[in-house]
Amino acid sequence: MLESLSQAEELFLSGSQQAHSVLRITLPQVFSQGKFMQMLSDFCHAHPQIKLDLIITNKNLDLVQQDIDFAFRGSALADSQMRSIKLFQAKTILCAPQGFARQLTTVQQLQVITEQLLIPSYINLSTLRLYLQKIGIKKPLHQFTAIDDAFSYKQAVLAGMGVGIFLDFFVEQELKQNQIWQITDPHPFSYKFLDFNMIYHKNIKLAKPQALFRDFVTHYFTAT
């Protein structure tokens, strides 16, 4: 009898915990639109008992100190206490608004990049600096116009302020709608490929809500 009561209490507490579960998740700005947000919406509809606390930031927050369950990042895993699952790979592309001339010589194209490039100051600038030097642009980064917000940066390029550097998935719709076009000459400008990963605690056994979320995200990106 006591054993049955104990089992019933355990089941009740387990169900109650799941009913009120909140997953704390951090992701960069470029994830807060399109396919990724659709995935989160699908998860919420599939598991309405699990709520999400989303932290949208380009900073790499400490999962332990900030009590975060999952992080999504486009960088290599640096913490041995964490586990990483690769979701997809993105590439960096150079895009210009529709008003910019397309029929330019190589010299003219480099001149446009030198004069009109907008710097996304929320990314790792050391790699960008090396690439610009490699293709012959010696202009220091501090002499370019810089914008530190991903959505404001995209809007600036769409408005014709200058040429922009984007991850391909972040401007997928704008490219399809011909609002911007990809500059492929004189260089493809794929100066960096990024593996986007889901990161979570390695040394902590996942509770059921965390395991459901991990499996849902993994299946979503491997099946599409």
C-alpha atoms as a PDB file:
ATOM      1  CA  MET A   1       0.000   0.000   0.000  1.00  0.00           C
ATOM      2  CA  LEU A   2       2.755   2.439   0.993  1.00  0.00           C
ATOM      3  CA  GLU A   3       4.705   1.514  -2.121  1.00  0.00           C
ATOM      4  CA  SER A   4       1.669   2.250  -4.309  1.00  0.00           C
ATOM      5  CA  LEU A   5       1.169   5.621  -2.634  1.00  0.00           C
ATOM      6  CA  SER A   6       4.846   6.446  -3.132  1.00  0.00           C
ATOM      7  CA  GLN A   7       4.655   5.564  -6.827  1.00  0.00           C
ATOM      8  CA  ALA A   8       1.497   7.616  -7.248  1.00  0.00           C
ATOM      9  CA  GLU A   9       3.127  10.606  -5.569  1.00  0.00           C
ATOM     10  CA  GLU A  10       6.188  10.274  -7.800  1.00  0.00           C
ATOM     11  CA  LEU A  11       4.023  10.188 -10.928  1.00  0.00           C
ATOM     12  CA  PHE A  12       2.053  13.210  -9.731  1.00  0.00           C
ATOM     13  CA  LEU A  13       5.183  15.234  -9.011  1.00  0.00           C
ATOM     14  CA  SER A  14       6.705  14.223 -12.340  1.00  0.00           C
ATOM     15  CA  GLY A  15       3.581  15.261 -14.235  1.00  0.00           C
ATOM     16  CA  SER A  16       3.319  18.500 -12.284  1.00  0.00           C
ATOM     17  CA  GLN A  17       6.948  19.350 -12.999  1.00  0.00           C
ATOM     18  CA  GLN A  18       6.486  18.722 -16.723  1.00  0.00           C
ATOM     19  CA  ALA A  19       3.281  20.782 -16.794  1.00  0.00           C
ATOM     20  CA  HIS A  20       5.134  23.798 -15.455  1.00  0.00           C
ATOM     21  CA  SER A  21       8.463  23.301 -17.224  1.00  0.00           C
ATOM     22  CA  VAL A  22      10.267  26.340 -18.594  1.00  0.00           C
ATOM     23  CA  LEU A  23      13.320  25.971 -20.831  1.00  0.00           C
ATOM     24  CA  ARG A  24      15.770  28.852 -20.790  1.00  0.00           C
ATOM     25  CA  ILE A  25      17.337  29.255 -24.241  1.00  0.00           C
ATOM     26  CA  THR A  26      19.813  31.735 -25.696  1.00  0.00           C
ATOM     27  CA  LEU A  27      20.248  32.388 -29.411  1.00  0.00           C
ATOM     28  CA  PRO A  28      21.836  35.060 -31.625  1.00  0.00           C
ATOM     29  CA  GLN A  29      19.839  37.747 -33.408  1.00  0.00           C
ATOM     30  CA  VAL A  30      20.155  36.050 -36.788  1.00  0.00           C
ATOM     31  CA  PHE A  31      18.132  33.116 -35.411  1.00  0.00           C
ATOM     32  CA  SER A  32      15.210  35.268 -34.294  1.00  0.00           C
ATOM     33  CA  GLN A  33      13.415  35.050 -37.640  1.00  0.00           C
ATOM     34  CA  GLY A  34      12.479  32.613 -40.376  1.00  0.00           C
ATOM     35  CA  LYS A  35      13.051  28.872 -40.156  1.00  0.00           C
ATOM     36  CA  PHE A  36      14.453  28.821 -36.642  1.00  0.00           C
ATOM     37  CA  MET A  37      11.550  30.714 -35.095  1.00  0.00           C
ATOM     38  CA  GLN A  38       9.173  28.473 -37.034  1.00  0.00           C
ATOM     39  CA  MET A  39      10.883  25.484 -35.447  1.00  0.00           C
ATOM     40  CA  LEU A  40      10.375  26.952 -31.967  1.00  0.00           C
ATOM     41  CA  SER A  41       6.733  27.641 -32.796  1.00  0.00           C
ATOM     42  CA  ASP A  42       6.266  24.043 -33.948  1.00  0.00           C
ATOM     43  CA  PHE A  43       7.812  22.796 -30.711  1.00  0.00           C
ATOM     44  CA  CYS A  44       5.507  24.964 -28.591  1.00  0.00           C
ATOM     45  CA  HIS A  45       2.461  23.634 -30.436  1.00  0.00           C
ATOM     46  CA  ALA A  46       3.669  20.044 -30.122  1.00  0.00           C
ATOM     47  CA  HIS A  47       4.448  20.428 -26.405  1.00  0.00           C
ATOM     48  CA  PRO A  48       2.175  23.154 -24.964  1.00  0.00           C
ATOM     49  CA  GLN A  49       3.074  22.087 -21.413  1.00  0.00           C
ATOM     50  CA  ILE A  50       6.642  23.326 -21.962  1.00  0.00           C
ATOM     51  CA  LYS A  51       7.262  27.076 -22.056  1.00  0.00           C
ATOM     52  CA  LEU A  52      10.324  28.852 -23.453  1.00  0.00           C
ATOM     53  CA  ASP A  53      12.301  31.715 -21.945  1.00  0.00           C
ATOM     54  CA  LEU A  54      14.240  33.114 -24.918  1.00  0.00           C
ATOM     55  CA  ILE A  55      17.324  35.290 -24.515  1.00  0.00           C
ATOM     56  CA  ILE A  56      18.198  36.958 -27.831  1.00  0.00           C
ATOM     57  CA  THR A  57      21.807  38.108 -27.721  1.00  0.00           C
ATOM     58  CA  ASN A  58      25.005  37.900 -29.753  1.00  0.00           C
ATOM     59  CA  LYS A  59      27.008  37.384 -26.561  1.00  0.00           C
ATOM     60  CA  ASN A  60      28.180  33.912 -25.569  1.00  0.00           C
ATOM     61  CA  LEU A  61      26.488  33.656 -22.190  1.00  0.00           C
ATOM     62  CA  ASP A  62      27.709  31.224 -19.543  1.00  0.00           C
ATOM     63  CA  LEU A  63      25.145  28.416 -19.411  1.00  0.00           C
ATOM     64  CA  VAL A  64      25.930  27.520 -15.803  1.00  0.00           C
ATOM     65  CA  GLN A  65      26.015  31.027 -14.343  1.00  0.00           C
ATOM     66  CA  GLN A  66      22.951  32.155 -16.308  1.00  0.00           C
ATOM     67  CA  ASP A  67      21.015  28.930 -15.615  1.00  0.00           C
ATOM     68  CA  ILE A  68      20.529  28.302 -19.351  1.00  0.00           C
ATOM     69  CA  ASP A  69      19.343  24.950 -20.693  1.00  0.00           C
ATOM     70  CA  PHE A  70      20.327  25.354 -24.358  1.00  0.00           C
ATOM     71  CA  ALA A  71      22.424  27.747 -26.422  1.00  0.00           C
ATOM     72  CA  PHE A  72      22.546  28.074 -30.204  1.00  0.00           C
ATOM     73  CA  ARG A  73      25.833  29.380 -31.555  1.00  0.00           C
ATOM     74  CA  GLY A  74      27.831  29.688 -34.729  1.00  0.00           C
ATOM     75  CA  SER A  75      31.175  28.973 -33.148  1.00  0.00           C
ATOM     76  CA  ALA A  76      33.300  26.076 -31.983  1.00  0.00           C
ATOM     77  CA  LEU A  77      32.614  24.571 -28.572  1.00  0.00           C
ATOM     78  CA  ALA A  78      35.132  25.956 -26.088  1.00  0.00           C
ATOM     79  CA  ASP A  79      33.775  24.531 -22.822  1.00  0.00           C
ATOM     80  CA  SER A  80      34.538  20.866 -22.125  1.00  0.00           C
ATOM     81  CA  GLN A  81      31.593  20.734 -19.701  1.00  0.00           C
ATOM     82  CA  MET A  82      29.171  21.213 -22.581  1.00  0.00           C
ATOM     83  CA  ARG A  83      27.924  18.977 -25.365  1.00  0.00           C
ATOM     84  CA  SER A  84      27.438  20.208 -28.929  1.00  0.00           C
ATOM     85  CA  ILE A  85      25.199  18.985 -31.760  1.00  0.00           C
ATOM     86  CA  LYS A  86      25.791  20.402 -35.250  1.00  0.00           C
ATOM     87  CA  LEU A  87      22.548  21.574 -36.858  1.00  0.00           C
ATOM     88  CA  PHE A  88      23.635  23.080 -40.178  1.00  0.00           C
ATOM     89  CA  GLN A  89      26.387  25.018 -41.921  1.00  0.00           C
ATOM     90  CA  ALA A  90      26.019  28.588 -43.157  1.00  0.00           C
ATOM     91  CA  LYS A  91      28.262  30.626 -45.409  1.00  0.00           C
ATOM     92  CA  THR A  92      29.058  34.308 -45.483  1.00  0.00           C
ATOM     93  CA  ILE A  93      28.042  36.251 -48.584  1.00  0.00           C
ATOM     94  CA  LEU A  94      28.451  39.831 -49.767  1.00  0.00           C
ATOM     95  CA  CYS A  95      25.270  41.561 -50.926  1.00  0.00           C
ATOM     96  CA  ALA A  96      24.371  44.895 -52.484  1.00  0.00           C
ATOM     97  CA  PRO A  97      20.993  46.648 -52.691  1.00  0.00           C
ATOM     98  CA  GLN A  98      19.167  46.773 -56.013  1.00  0.00           C
ATOM     99  CA  GLY A  99      20.303  50.321 -56.754  1.00  0.00           C
ATOM    100  CA  PHE A 100      23.964  49.338 -56.952  1.00  0.00           C
ATOM    101  CA  ALA A 101      25.428  48.818 -60.437  1.00  0.00           C
ATOM    102  CA  ARG A 102      26.131  45.202 -61.382  1.00  0.00           C
ATOM    103  CA  GLN A 103      28.242  45.624 -64.511  1.00  0.00           C
ATOM    104  CA  LEU A 104      31.554  46.633 -62.984  1.00  0.00           C
ATOM    105  CA  THR A 105      35.131  45.666 -63.659  1.00  0.00           C
ATOM    106  CA  THR A 106      37.159  43.899 -60.995  1.00  0.00           C
ATOM    107  CA  VAL A 107      38.873  47.152 -60.034  1.00  0.00           C
ATOM    108  CA  GLN A 108      35.546  48.993 -59.841  1.00  0.00           C
ATOM    109  CA  GLN A 109      34.006  46.211 -57.765  1.00  0.00           C
ATOM    110  CA  LEU A 110      36.800  46.369 -55.216  1.00  0.00           C
ATOM    111  CA  GLN A 111      36.441  50.139 -55.131  1.00  0.00           C
ATOM    112  CA  VAL A 112      32.723  49.811 -54.364  1.00  0.00           C
ATOM    113  CA  ILE A 113      33.467  47.377 -51.541  1.00  0.00           C
ATOM    114  CA  THR A 114      36.163  49.671 -50.176  1.00  0.00           C
ATOM    115  CA  GLU A 115      33.946  52.747 -50.254  1.00  0.00           C
ATOM    116  CA  GLN A 116      30.514  51.290 -49.506  1.00  0.00           C
ATOM    117  CA  LEU A 117      31.044  48.304 -47.209  1.00  0.00           C
ATOM    118  CA  LEU A 118      29.111  48.420 -43.947  1.00  0.00           C
ATOM    119  CA  ILE A 119      30.747  46.596 -41.053  1.00  0.00           C
ATOM    120  CA  PRO A 120      28.582  44.311 -38.868  1.00  0.00           C
ATOM    121  CA  SER A 121      30.347  45.022 -35.596  1.00  0.00           C
ATOM    122  CA  TYR A 122      28.499  42.183 -33.839  1.00  0.00           C
ATOM    123  CA  ILE A 123      30.658  39.548 -35.613  1.00  0.00           C
ATOM    124  CA  ASN A 124      34.277  38.447 -35.146  1.00  0.00           C
ATOM    125  CA  LEU A 125      36.147  41.244 -36.897  1.00  0.00           C
ATOM    126  CA  SER A 126      39.616  39.686 -36.874  1.00  0.00           C
ATOM    127  CA  THR A 127      38.692  37.144 -39.573  1.00  0.00           C
ATOM    128  CA  LEU A 128      36.982  39.836 -41.639  1.00  0.00           C
ATOM    129  CA  ARG A 129      40.036  42.088 -41.394  1.00  0.00           C
ATOM    130  CA  LEU A 130      42.303  39.322 -42.690  1.00  0.00           C
ATOM    131  CA  TYR A 131      39.989  38.562 -45.603  1.00  0.00           C
ATOM    132  CA  LEU A 132      39.727  42.196 -46.688  1.00  0.00           C
ATOM    133  CA  GLN A 133      43.503  42.434 -46.670  1.00  0.00           C
ATOM    134  CA  LYS A 134      43.703  39.222 -48.710  1.00  0.00           C
ATOM    135  CA  ILE A 135      41.575  40.640 -51.541  1.00  0.00           C
ATOM    136  CA  GLY A 136      43.482  43.903 -51.558  1.00  0.00           C
ATOM    137  CA  ILE A 137      41.473  46.197 -49.277  1.00  0.00           C
ATOM    138  CA  LYS A 138      43.881  47.875 -46.863  1.00  0.00           C
ATOM    139  CA  LYS A 139      41.404  50.342 -45.383  1.00  0.00           C
ATOM    140  CA  PRO A 140      41.252  50.018 -41.565  1.00  0.00           C
ATOM    141  CA  LEU A 141      37.939  48.740 -40.200  1.00  0.00           C
ATOM    142  CA  HIS A 142      37.395  51.830 -38.055  1.00  0.00           C
ATOM    143  CA  GLN A 143      37.107  53.896 -41.248  1.00  0.00           C
ATOM    144  CA  PHE A 144      34.005  51.968 -42.374  1.00  0.00           C
ATOM    145  CA  THR A 145      30.473  52.647 -41.168  1.00  0.00           C
ATOM    146  CA  ALA A 146      29.674  50.079 -38.466  1.00  0.00           C
ATOM    147  CA  ILE A 147      26.324  48.840 -37.127  1.00  0.00           C
ATOM    148  CA  ASP A 148      26.062  46.590 -34.067  1.00  0.00           C
ATOM    149  CA  ASP A 149      22.506  45.247 -34.511  1.00  0.00           C
ATOM    150  CA  ALA A 150      21.768  42.499 -37.062  1.00  0.00           C
ATOM    151  CA  PHE A 151      18.298  43.707 -38.058  1.00  0.00           C
ATOM    152  CA  SER A 152      19.314  47.368 -38.249  1.00  0.00           C
ATOM    153  CA  TYR A 153      22.288  46.291 -40.344  1.00  0.00           C
ATOM    154  CA  LYS A 154      20.063  44.449 -42.809  1.00  0.00           C
ATOM    155  CA  GLN A 155      17.659  47.385 -43.024  1.00  0.00           C
ATOM    156  CA  ALA A 156      20.569  49.736 -43.728  1.00  0.00           C
ATOM    157  CA  VAL A 157      21.639  47.634 -46.716  1.00  0.00           C
ATOM    158  CA  LEU A 158      18.053  47.336 -47.971  1.00  0.00           C
ATOM    159  CA  ALA A 159      17.745  51.129 -47.741  1.00  0.00           C
ATOM    160  CA  GLY A 160      20.805  51.532 -49.972  1.00  0.00           C
ATOM    161  CA  MET A 161      23.249  52.751 -47.346  1.00  0.00           C
ATOM    162  CA  GLY A 162      25.933  50.364 -48.531  1.00  0.00           C
ATOM    163  CA  VAL A 163      27.116  46.824 -49.208  1.00  0.00           C
ATOM    164  CA  GLY A 164      26.551  44.216 -46.504  1.00  0.00           C
ATOM    165  CA  ILE A 165      28.076  40.989 -45.216  1.00  0.00           C
ATOM    166  CA  PHE A 166      25.484  38.377 -44.285  1.00  0.00           C
ATOM    167  CA  LEU A 167      25.027  34.764 -43.375  1.00  0.00           C
ATOM    168  CA  ASP A 168      23.148  33.259 -46.318  1.00  0.00           C
ATOM    169  CA  PHE A 169      20.096  32.080 -44.352  1.00  0.00           C
ATOM    170  CA  PHE A 170      19.612  35.515 -42.756  1.00  0.00           C
ATOM    171  CA  VAL A 171      18.863  37.163 -46.124  1.00  0.00           C
ATOM    172  CA  GLU A 172      17.344  34.185 -47.938  1.00  0.00           C
ATOM    173  CA  GLN A 173      13.967  35.863 -48.448  1.00  0.00           C
ATOM    174  CA  GLU A 174      15.460  39.198 -49.498  1.00  0.00           C
ATOM    175  CA  LEU A 175      17.538  37.441 -52.163  1.00  0.00           C
ATOM    176  CA  LYS A 176      14.510  35.522 -53.459  1.00  0.00           C
ATOM    177  CA  GLN A 177      12.500  38.749 -53.639  1.00  0.00           C
ATOM    178  CA  ASN A 178      15.360  40.524 -55.471  1.00  0.00           C
ATOM    179  CA  GLN A 179      15.625  43.190 -52.794  1.00  0.00           C
ATOM    180  CA  ILE A 180      19.368  42.590 -52.730  1.00  0.00           C
ATOM    181  CA  TRP A 181      21.793  40.676 -54.942  1.00  0.00           C
ATOM    182  CA  GLN A 182      24.908  38.683 -54.166  1.00  0.00           C
ATOM    183  CA  ILE A 183      28.261  40.040 -55.283  1.00  0.00           C
ATOM    184  CA  THR A 184      30.322  37.135 -56.610  1.00  0.00           C
ATOM    185  CA  ASP A 185      33.076  39.046 -58.430  1.00  0.00           C
ATOM    186  CA  PRO A 186      35.927  39.643 -58.048  1.00  0.00           C
ATOM    187  CA  HIS A 187      35.695  37.152 -55.192  1.00  0.00           C
ATOM    188  CA  PRO A 188      32.818  34.958 -53.976  1.00  0.00           C
ATOM    189  CA  PHE A 189      33.392  36.468 -50.519  1.00  0.00           C
ATOM    190  CA  SER A 190      32.691  33.162 -48.806  1.00  0.00           C
ATOM    191  CA  TYR A 191      35.468  34.071 -46.419  1.00  0.00           C
ATOM    192  CA  LYS A 192      34.010  32.026 -43.626  1.00  0.00           C
ATOM    193  CA  PHE A 193      31.756  29.008 -43.164  1.00  0.00           C
ATOM    194  CA  LEU A 194      30.039  28.622 -39.814  1.00  0.00           C
ATOM    195  CA  ASP A 195      28.729  25.462 -38.209  1.00  0.00           C
ATOM    196  CA  PHE A 196      25.690  26.338 -36.119  1.00  0.00           C
ATOM    197  CA  ASN A 197      25.372  24.152 -33.058  1.00  0.00           C
ATOM    198  CA  MET A 198      22.997  23.402 -30.224  1.00  0.00           C
ATOM    199  CA  ILE A 199      24.901  23.412 -26.926  1.00  0.00           C
ATOM    200  CA  TYR A 200      23.766  22.002 -23.592  1.00  0.00           C
ATOM    201  CA  HIS A 201      25.129  20.610 -20.337  1.00  0.00           C
ATOM    202  CA  LYS A 202      27.120  17.396 -20.692  1.00  0.00           C
ATOM    203  CA  ASN A 203      27.465  16.420 -17.042  1.00  0.00           C
ATOM    204  CA  ILE A 204      23.825  16.915 -16.066  1.00  0.00           C
ATOM    205  CA  LYS A 205      21.216  14.290 -16.884  1.00  0.00           C
ATOM    206  CA  LEU A 206      18.538  15.890 -19.010  1.00  0.00           C
ATOM    207  CA  ALA A 207      15.041  15.985 -17.564  1.00  0.00           C
ATOM    208  CA  LYS A 208      12.187  14.939 -19.833  1.00  0.00           C
ATOM    209  CA  PRO A 209      11.408  18.481 -21.125  1.00  0.00           C
ATOM    210  CA  GLN A 210      15.065  19.080 -22.015  1.00  0.00           C
ATOM    211  CA  ALA A 211      15.335  15.699 -23.726  1.00  0.00           C
ATOM    212  CA  LEU A 212      12.148  16.386 -25.705  1.00  0.00           C
ATOM    213  CA  PHE A 213      13.517  19.720 -26.876  1.00  0.00           C
ATOM    214  CA  ARG A 214      16.933  18.316 -27.806  1.00  0.00           C
ATOM    215  CA  ASP A 215      15.395  15.492 -29.837  1.00  0.00           C
ATOM    216  CA  PHE A 216      12.845  17.781 -31.500  1.00  0.00           C
ATOM    217  CA  VAL A 217      15.493  20.284 -32.642  1.00  0.00           C
ATOM    218  CA  THR A 218      17.876  17.565 -33.826  1.00  0.00           C
ATOM    219  CA  HIS A 219      15.174  15.836 -35.862  1.00  0.00           C
ATOM    220  CA  TYR A 220      13.901  19.137 -37.273  1.00  0.00           C
ATOM    221  CA  PHE A 221      17.252  20.086 -38.767  1.00  0.00           C
ATOM    222  CA  THR A 222      18.293  16.619 -39.907  1.00  0.00           C
ATOM    223  CA  ALA A 223      14.940  15.986 -41.595  1.00  0.00           C
ATOM    224  CA  THR A 224      14.826  19.284 -43.538  1.00  0.00           C
END
